[in-house]
Amino acid sequence: MRHLKVAGVMALLAVFSITGCGVESSTTSVVPLSKVAAQDKVNTIIPAPAGIVGMTNPDSNDFMYLAAGTARSKGLFSLNLITHEISSSSSISNAVDSATLLSSGIIVLGQATKHSGAISLYNAQTLKMMKTIPVGDPVIEVCTDPSEAGDVYVLNGTKKSETVSVVNTNSNKIMESIPVSLGTIDIASNAGTLYTLQPNGQIMGISERSKTPQFQFTVAPGARSFVVSPDGQTLYLLKEANDTYNISEVDLATESQIAALGAPMNAGFISLSSDSKTLYVGVESPSVGNVQTLQAIH
């Protein structure tokens, strides 16, 4: 999942909610700062390329895939989480701004040009591009559902509207489009629910079948990225306030924050291991890059 992006196609927008949905909004209870975990929770710091723009979940072989670089040159990197080495890399489009991983082991990179967007599929073993699928508007974020092998959820839009396009990578077709609130910066999908994130920390759950909001609540402002556990019970929200970064652990059943964990400076990305035991936090900086592992709180 990714950081709050202020790009040419998506300047920081005022936050709007979907109107007429009849969904009540709530604010989570917040853990006092005295209970925020200290930085000694960091297990390892893994060197990574500078300028990270996309970070996938780890695969079953303990590899993570990073899209990183500058506006003039970007690459796709295979990071071995055991040896802490970059095992391979390849050049990618400078338009890439996000990344995710299908359960089949295919890397998906989102692309945003001035007026259009696309996703490109890469073989995780060779890092060679397999195909590109247009999605319409510039891509903001991409994600996958752990229970779906071939579908990619693509957040794309302009300054006027945003949509999540569900793309089937086998047929190369957009199967459906789900409207989301303007200003959405990150998404996640789990068991038929599409989760969206606003910069003010508002989480909205949308039924993928009916395309209508089912719930919404607010954690805290300064949201940058989030991830939902595979069992759909826990949400981890990466946020920042006054140059202090931390991760809120939220119980989705009660919509309440039950713990908090300190995060490194300039943290921009967060992902979770398949067993929900390890959080991976990507540090974004034009000059420095690394991935830090943290013990999941629960």
Protein backbone atom coordinates (compact mmCIF):
# COMPACT_ATOMS: atom_id res chain seq x y z
CA MET A 1 0.00 0.00 0.00
CA ARG A 2 1.16 3.46 -0.54
CA HIS A 3 1.86 6.92 0.78
CA LEU A 4 -0.09 10.16 0.36
CA LYS A 5 0.77 11.30 -3.14
CA VAL A 6 0.79 14.91 -4.28
CA ALA A 7 1.32 14.50 -8.01
CA GLY A 8 0.46 16.53 -11.05
CA VAL A 9 -2.78 14.69 -11.57
CA MET A 10 -3.72 14.52 -7.88
CA ALA A 11 -2.90 17.61 -5.86
CA LEU A 12 -4.00 17.48 -2.26
CA LEU A 13 -7.79 17.67 -2.42
CA ALA A 14 -10.45 18.64 0.03
CA VAL A 15 -12.06 15.56 1.48
CA PHE A 16 -15.56 14.75 0.29
CA SER A 17 -17.77 11.88 1.43
CA ILE A 18 -20.16 9.91 -0.76
CA THR A 19 -23.50 11.65 -0.34
CA GLY A 20 -26.84 10.05 0.10
CA CYS A 21 -25.38 6.83 1.42
CA GLY A 22 -27.04 6.88 4.81
CA VAL A 23 -23.87 5.66 6.49
CA GLU A 24 -23.04 7.02 9.91
CA SER A 25 -19.49 8.15 10.52
CA SER A 26 -17.67 7.49 13.77
CA THR A 27 -14.31 8.39 15.24
CA THR A 28 -12.16 5.69 16.74
CA SER A 29 -10.94 5.83 20.28
CA VAL A 30 -7.24 6.67 20.31
CA VAL A 31 -4.48 5.02 22.32
CA PRO A 32 -2.64 7.61 24.49
CA LEU A 33 0.81 8.61 23.26
CA SER A 34 2.28 7.12 26.42
CA LYS A 35 1.31 3.71 25.08
CA VAL A 36 2.83 4.19 21.63
CA ALA A 37 5.52 1.55 21.22
CA ALA A 38 9.11 2.69 21.15
CA GLN A 39 11.44 2.33 18.19
CA ASP A 40 13.08 -0.74 19.73
CA LYS A 41 10.24 -2.66 18.08
CA VAL A 42 12.20 -2.38 14.82
CA ASN A 43 13.56 -5.83 14.07
CA THR A 44 15.62 -5.17 10.94
CA ILE A 45 16.48 -2.34 8.59
CA ILE A 46 16.92 -3.60 5.04
CA PRO A 47 18.72 -1.34 2.53
CA ALA A 48 16.62 -0.55 -0.55
CA PRO A 49 16.78 1.75 -3.56
CA ALA A 50 16.11 5.43 -2.99
CA GLY A 51 12.93 7.03 -4.29
CA ILE A 52 10.49 4.19 -3.58
CA VAL A 53 7.14 4.77 -5.32
CA GLY A 54 5.62 1.31 -4.93
CA MET A 55 6.07 -1.66 -2.58
CA THR A 56 4.37 -5.08 -2.72
CA ASN A 57 3.54 -7.54 0.02
CA PRO A 58 6.15 -10.29 0.50
CA ASP A 59 5.63 -13.40 -1.61
CA SER A 60 5.80 -17.00 -0.38
CA ASN A 61 9.55 -17.10 -1.10
CA ASP A 62 10.31 -14.08 1.09
CA PHE A 63 10.83 -11.67 -1.77
CA MET A 64 9.39 -8.17 -1.95
CA TYR A 65 9.21 -6.09 -5.12
CA LEU A 66 9.92 -2.37 -5.18
CA ALA A 67 9.40 0.27 -7.84
CA ALA A 68 11.85 3.08 -7.22
CA GLY A 69 13.83 5.87 -8.85
CA THR A 70 13.43 9.41 -10.07
CA ALA A 71 11.13 11.16 -12.53
CA ARG A 72 13.73 10.48 -15.21
CA SER A 73 14.63 6.86 -14.44
CA LYS A 74 12.80 4.13 -12.54
CA GLY A 75 13.47 0.46 -11.92
CA LEU A 76 11.77 -2.66 -10.58
CA PHE A 77 13.78 -4.37 -7.86
CA SER A 78 13.52 -7.84 -6.33
CA LEU A 79 14.44 -7.59 -2.64
CA ASN A 80 15.40 -10.77 -0.79
CA LEU A 81 14.05 -10.35 2.74
CA ILE A 82 16.29 -13.14 4.07
CA THR A 83 19.67 -12.07 2.68
CA HIS A 84 18.73 -8.35 2.53
CA GLU A 85 20.07 -8.13 -1.02
CA ILE A 86 18.67 -6.92 -4.33
CA SER A 87 18.70 -10.13 -6.36
CA SER A 88 17.65 -8.63 -9.70
CA SER A 89 16.33 -5.46 -11.30
CA SER A 90 14.95 -4.13 -14.57
CA SER A 91 14.04 -0.79 -16.09
CA ILE A 92 10.40 0.30 -16.01
CA SER A 93 8.33 3.21 -17.28
CA ASN A 94 8.93 6.55 -15.60
CA ALA A 95 5.13 6.81 -15.28
CA VAL A 96 5.00 4.01 -12.66
CA ASP A 97 3.66 5.25 -9.33
CA SER A 98 2.37 2.14 -7.48
CA ALA A 99 2.82 -1.61 -7.14
CA THR A 100 1.08 -4.73 -5.90
CA LEU A 101 1.42 -8.50 -6.17
CA LEU A 102 -1.13 -11.06 -7.34
CA SER A 103 -1.39 -14.34 -5.44
CA SER A 104 -0.23 -16.03 -8.64
CA GLY A 105 3.13 -14.29 -8.27
CA ILE A 106 2.62 -11.65 -10.95
CA ILE A 107 3.77 -8.11 -10.15
CA VAL A 108 1.36 -5.32 -11.10
CA LEU A 109 2.62 -1.77 -11.60
CA GLY A 110 0.27 1.21 -11.87
CA GLN A 111 1.09 4.02 -14.28
CA ALA A 112 -0.07 7.63 -14.43
CA THR A 113 0.57 10.00 -17.31
CA LYS A 114 -1.00 13.44 -17.60
CA HIS A 115 -4.29 12.25 -19.06
CA SER A 116 -4.38 8.44 -18.87
CA GLY A 117 -3.48 5.39 -16.83
CA ALA A 118 -2.58 1.73 -17.23
CA ILE A 119 -1.34 -1.30 -15.33
CA SER A 120 1.60 -3.41 -16.45
CA LEU A 121 2.13 -7.03 -15.45
CA TYR A 122 5.62 -8.38 -14.76
CA ASN A 123 6.94 -11.89 -14.25
CA ALA A 124 8.32 -12.02 -10.70
CA GLN A 125 11.05 -14.50 -11.63
CA THR A 126 12.46 -12.61 -14.60
CA LEU A 127 11.14 -9.08 -13.95
CA LYS A 128 10.16 -8.96 -17.61
CA MET A 129 6.98 -7.18 -18.65
CA MET A 130 4.20 -9.50 -19.81
CA LYS A 131 1.54 -7.01 -20.93
CA THR A 132 -0.03 -3.61 -20.32
CA ILE A 133 -3.76 -2.98 -19.80
CA PRO A 134 -5.22 0.56 -20.17
CA VAL A 135 -7.57 1.71 -17.40
CA GLY A 136 -8.57 5.21 -18.48
CA ASP A 137 -7.64 7.90 -15.95
CA PRO A 138 -4.21 8.25 -14.29
CA VAL A 139 -3.57 5.53 -11.71
CA ILE A 140 -3.28 6.58 -8.07
CA GLU A 141 -2.97 3.16 -6.40
CA VAL A 142 -3.33 -0.57 -7.09
CA CYS A 143 -4.18 -3.49 -4.81
CA THR A 144 -5.32 -7.10 -4.91
CA ASP A 145 -7.68 -9.28 -2.87
CA PRO A 146 -5.99 -12.31 -1.21
CA SER A 147 -8.95 -14.49 -2.23
CA GLU A 148 -8.92 -13.51 -5.91
CA ALA A 149 -6.16 -14.76 -8.17
CA GLY A 150 -6.56 -12.64 -11.28
CA ASP A 151 -8.30 -9.38 -10.37
CA VAL A 152 -6.54 -6.08 -9.73
CA TYR A 153 -8.24 -3.13 -8.06
CA VAL A 154 -7.08 0.12 -9.66
CA LEU A 155 -7.74 3.48 -8.04
CA ASN A 156 -7.69 6.01 -10.84
CA GLY A 157 -9.04 9.48 -11.39
CA THR A 158 -8.63 13.19 -11.94
CA LYS A 159 -9.15 16.34 -9.89
CA LYS A 160 -12.89 15.96 -10.48
CA SER A 161 -13.62 12.30 -9.77
CA GLU A 162 -12.13 8.98 -8.72
CA THR A 163 -13.06 5.39 -9.47
CA VAL A 164 -11.81 1.93 -8.57
CA SER A 165 -11.66 -0.18 -11.73
CA VAL A 166 -11.67 -3.94 -11.18
CA VAL A 167 -9.46 -5.36 -13.92
CA ASN A 168 -9.38 -9.05 -14.79
CA THR A 169 -5.81 -9.77 -15.85
CA ASN A 170 -6.79 -12.92 -17.71
CA SER A 171 -9.31 -11.27 -20.03
CA ASN A 172 -7.56 -7.86 -19.95
CA LYS A 173 -10.95 -6.24 -19.33
CA ILE A 174 -12.39 -3.87 -16.76
CA MET A 175 -15.08 -6.01 -15.14
CA GLU A 176 -16.67 -3.25 -13.07
CA SER A 177 -16.15 0.27 -11.79
CA ILE A 178 -16.81 1.36 -8.22
CA PRO A 179 -17.14 5.10 -7.51
CA VAL A 180 -15.21 6.37 -4.49
CA SER A 181 -14.92 9.71 -2.69
CA LEU A 182 -12.80 12.39 -4.27
CA GLY A 183 -9.47 12.64 -2.45
CA THR A 184 -9.09 8.90 -1.81
CA ILE A 185 -5.37 8.12 -1.48
CA ASP A 186 -5.25 4.38 -0.82
CA ILE A 187 -7.39 1.25 -1.17
CA ALA A 188 -7.57 -2.36 -0.01
CA SER A 189 -9.89 -5.24 -0.90
CA ASN A 190 -10.85 -8.16 1.30
CA ALA A 191 -13.69 -10.69 1.05
CA GLY A 192 -16.06 -8.52 -0.95
CA THR A 193 -15.36 -5.25 0.86
CA LEU A 194 -13.46 -2.38 -0.73
CA TYR A 195 -11.72 -0.20 1.86
CA THR A 196 -10.78 3.38 1.02
CA LEU A 197 -8.61 5.90 2.86
CA GLN A 198 -8.74 9.70 2.99
CA PRO A 199 -5.88 11.98 4.18
CA ASN A 200 -7.88 12.83 7.32
CA GLY A 201 -7.79 9.17 8.35
CA GLN A 202 -11.33 8.32 7.29
CA ILE A 203 -11.83 4.67 6.42
CA MET A 204 -14.85 3.70 4.33
CA GLY A 205 -16.00 0.16 3.61
CA ILE A 206 -17.88 -0.30 0.34
CA SER A 207 -19.73 -3.43 -0.73
CA GLU A 208 -18.18 -4.56 -4.00
CA ARG A 209 -21.44 -6.24 -5.00
CA SER A 210 -23.85 -3.35 -4.44
CA LYS A 211 -21.18 -0.60 -4.76
CA THR A 212 -22.68 1.16 -1.74
CA PRO A 213 -20.92 2.26 1.47
CA GLN A 214 -21.51 -0.05 4.44
CA PHE A 215 -19.57 1.78 7.16
CA GLN A 216 -17.12 4.59 7.77
CA PHE A 217 -15.03 5.78 10.69
CA THR A 218 -12.07 8.07 11.25
CA VAL A 219 -8.84 7.08 12.95
CA ALA A 220 -6.61 10.19 12.91
CA PRO A 221 -5.38 12.82 10.44
CA GLY A 222 -2.10 12.60 8.56
CA ALA A 223 -2.92 9.24 6.98
CA ARG A 224 -0.38 7.97 4.46
CA SER A 225 -1.05 4.28 3.82
CA PHE A 226 -2.88 1.28 5.27
CA VAL A 227 -3.20 -2.48 5.04
CA VAL A 228 -5.92 -4.95 6.06
CA SER A 229 -4.97 -8.31 7.55
CA PRO A 230 -5.79 -11.38 5.40
CA ASP A 231 -8.50 -12.48 7.87
CA GLY A 232 -10.21 -9.10 7.56
CA GLN A 233 -10.16 -8.47 11.30
CA THR A 234 -7.41 -5.88 11.69
CA LEU A 235 -6.40 -2.71 9.88
CA TYR A 236 -2.99 -1.06 10.22
CA LEU A 237 -2.88 2.66 9.40
CA LEU A 238 0.42 4.47 8.82
CA LYS A 239 0.14 8.15 9.70
CA GLU A 240 2.23 11.22 10.45
CA ALA A 241 1.77 14.35 12.55
CA ASN A 242 4.42 17.00 13.20
CA ASP A 243 7.16 14.75 11.79
CA THR A 244 6.18 11.92 14.14
CA TYR A 245 5.26 8.69 12.39
CA ASN A 246 3.30 5.81 13.88
CA ILE A 247 1.03 2.91 13.01
CA SER A 248 -2.44 2.49 14.47
CA GLU A 249 -3.77 -1.02 14.93
CA VAL A 250 -7.55 -0.89 14.44
CA ASP A 251 -10.05 -3.61 15.32
CA LEU A 252 -12.46 -3.56 12.38
CA ALA A 253 -15.26 -5.23 14.34
CA THR A 254 -15.37 -2.39 16.87
CA GLU A 255 -13.86 0.31 14.63
CA SER A 256 -11.52 1.20 17.48
CA GLN A 257 -7.79 1.71 17.76
CA ILE A 258 -6.45 -0.88 20.15
CA ALA A 259 -2.72 -0.20 19.97
CA ALA A 260 -0.07 1.94 18.32
CA LEU A 261 3.45 1.29 17.12
CA GLY A 262 6.23 3.75 16.39
CA ALA A 263 7.28 4.04 12.74
CA PRO A 264 10.46 5.41 11.14
CA MET A 265 10.85 8.94 9.84
CA ASN A 266 9.68 9.40 6.23
CA ALA A 267 7.70 6.15 6.32
CA GLY A 268 5.45 6.07 3.27
CA PHE A 269 4.41 2.48 2.64
CA ILE A 270 3.13 -0.40 4.75
CA SER A 271 2.51 -4.08 4.02
CA LEU A 272 1.89 -7.20 6.08
CA SER A 273 3.17 -10.76 5.97
CA SER A 274 0.68 -13.51 5.07
CA ASP A 275 0.73 -14.79 8.67
CA SER A 276 0.01 -11.26 9.97
CA LYS A 277 3.04 -11.38 12.28
CA THR A 278 5.35 -8.90 10.54
CA LEU A 279 4.75 -5.38 9.29
CA TYR A 280 6.98 -3.99 6.55
CA VAL A 281 7.42 -0.24 6.38
CA GLY A 282 8.98 1.40 3.34
CA VAL A 283 10.93 4.63 3.85
CA GLU A 284 10.56 7.05 0.99
CA SER A 285 13.19 9.65 0.23
CA PRO A 286 14.87 10.91 -2.97
CA SER A 287 18.26 10.08 -1.47
CA VAL A 288 17.64 7.21 0.97
CA GLY A 289 15.57 4.04 0.79
CA ASN A 290 15.04 1.15 3.15
CA VAL A 291 12.44 -1.33 4.35
CA GLN A 292 12.05 -1.80 8.09
CA THR A 293 10.36 -4.78 9.69
CA LEU A 294 8.23 -4.39 12.79
CA GLN A 295 6.51 -6.94 14.94
CA ALA A 296 2.75 -6.70 14.43
CA ILE A 297 1.20 -5.65 17.72
CA HIS A 298 -1.62 -8.12 18.15
